[in-house]
Amino acid sequence: MGQETTTTTSRSDGNRLLTVAEVAGRIGVTPYTVRKWIKGGQLSAVDLNAGGKLCVYRVPEDQIEEISRRIQIIDDSTEDNKDGG
């Protein structure tokens, strides 16, 4: 895959748009996982290259808190299962 820059942009509502690499780094997953979530509809993103061959995704910063919360719920559930609960 191509290398992504870490250029962050802002929307008119003041919400920053983060690159796939920035999102991955913040929540501790790979860029591949972030792209998979975007394509699967689990994470909202903007494609800056709409209609082009390559997708250039930017994720609104407010989505980071939401996806982090979901990851925490999954982690907690997994821990409960390890403890037999």
Protein backbone atom coordinates (compact mmCIF):
# COMPACT_ATOMS: atom_id res chain seq x y z
CA MET A 1 0.00 0.00 0.00
CA GLY A 2 1.08 3.58 -0.52
CA GLN A 3 2.54 5.66 2.24
CA GLU A 4 0.13 8.14 3.78
CA THR A 5 1.10 11.59 4.88
CA THR A 6 0.03 12.91 8.24
CA THR A 7 -1.54 16.07 6.90
CA THR A 8 -4.51 16.99 9.02
CA THR A 9 -7.24 19.24 7.67
CA SER A 10 -10.23 20.90 9.30
CA ARG A 11 -13.88 21.04 8.38
CA SER A 12 -16.07 24.11 8.53
CA ASP A 13 -17.54 22.86 11.83
CA GLY A 14 -14.06 22.94 13.41
CA ASN A 15 -13.81 19.15 13.56
CA ARG A 16 -10.36 18.09 12.38
CA LEU A 17 -10.02 15.45 9.66
CA LEU A 18 -7.36 12.85 10.40
CA THR A 19 -5.53 10.53 8.04
CA VAL A 20 -5.96 6.78 8.27
CA ALA A 21 -2.44 6.54 9.73
CA GLU A 22 -3.23 9.13 12.41
CA VAL A 23 -6.42 7.29 13.41
CA ALA A 24 -4.58 3.97 13.55
CA GLY A 25 -1.87 5.45 15.74
CA ARG A 26 -4.32 7.02 18.16
CA ILE A 27 -6.34 3.88 18.77
CA GLY A 28 -3.59 1.29 18.45
CA VAL A 29 -4.62 -0.61 15.33
CA THR A 30 -3.13 -0.90 11.85
CA PRO A 31 -4.07 1.41 8.97
CA TYR A 32 -5.43 -1.71 7.22
CA THR A 33 -7.91 -2.19 10.09
CA VAL A 34 -9.04 1.44 9.89
CA ARG A 35 -9.63 1.14 6.12
CA LYS A 36 -11.54 -2.10 6.68
CA TRP A 37 -13.79 -0.36 9.23
CA ILE A 38 -14.39 2.52 6.82
CA LYS A 39 -15.25 0.21 3.92
CA GLY A 40 -17.47 -1.89 6.21
CA GLY A 41 -19.35 1.15 7.50
CA GLN A 42 -18.19 0.85 11.11
CA LEU A 43 -16.28 4.14 10.88
CA SER A 44 -17.37 7.30 9.06
CA ALA A 45 -14.88 8.96 6.74
CA VAL A 46 -14.63 11.39 3.86
CA ASP A 47 -13.01 10.27 0.59
CA LEU A 48 -11.05 13.28 -0.67
CA ASN A 49 -10.49 11.56 -4.00
CA ALA A 50 -14.12 10.60 -4.69
CA GLY A 51 -14.41 9.13 -8.13
CA GLY A 52 -10.68 8.44 -8.37
CA LYS A 53 -8.99 5.06 -8.46
CA LEU A 54 -7.45 5.44 -5.01
CA CYS A 55 -9.39 6.31 -1.88
CA VAL A 56 -7.91 9.14 0.16
CA TYR A 57 -9.79 8.88 3.43
CA ARG A 58 -10.00 11.43 6.21
CA VAL A 59 -11.78 10.59 9.45
CA PRO A 60 -13.50 13.30 11.51
CA GLU A 61 -11.73 13.56 14.86
CA ASP A 62 -14.99 13.11 16.76
CA GLN A 63 -15.17 9.57 15.33
CA ILE A 64 -12.06 8.61 17.33
CA GLU A 65 -13.91 8.78 20.65
CA GLU A 66 -16.78 6.69 19.27
CA ILE A 67 -14.60 3.94 17.82
CA SER A 68 -12.40 3.93 20.95
CA ARG A 69 -15.51 3.41 23.07
CA ARG A 70 -16.57 0.47 20.89
CA ILE A 71 -13.10 -1.07 21.11
CA GLN A 72 -13.19 -0.72 24.91
CA ILE A 73 -16.57 -2.48 25.05
CA ILE A 74 -15.18 -5.34 22.96
CA ASP A 75 -12.03 -5.54 25.14
CA ASP A 76 -14.12 -5.58 28.32
CA SER A 77 -16.31 -8.33 26.88
CA THR A 78 -13.27 -10.38 25.96
CA GLU A 79 -11.82 -9.97 29.45
CA ASP A 80 -15.14 -11.09 30.98
CA ASN A 81 -15.06 -14.23 28.84
CA LYS A 82 -11.50 -15.01 29.97
CA ASP A 83 -12.62 -14.79 33.59
CA GLY A 84 -15.46 -17.21 32.93
CA GLY A 85 -18.14 -14.51 33.15
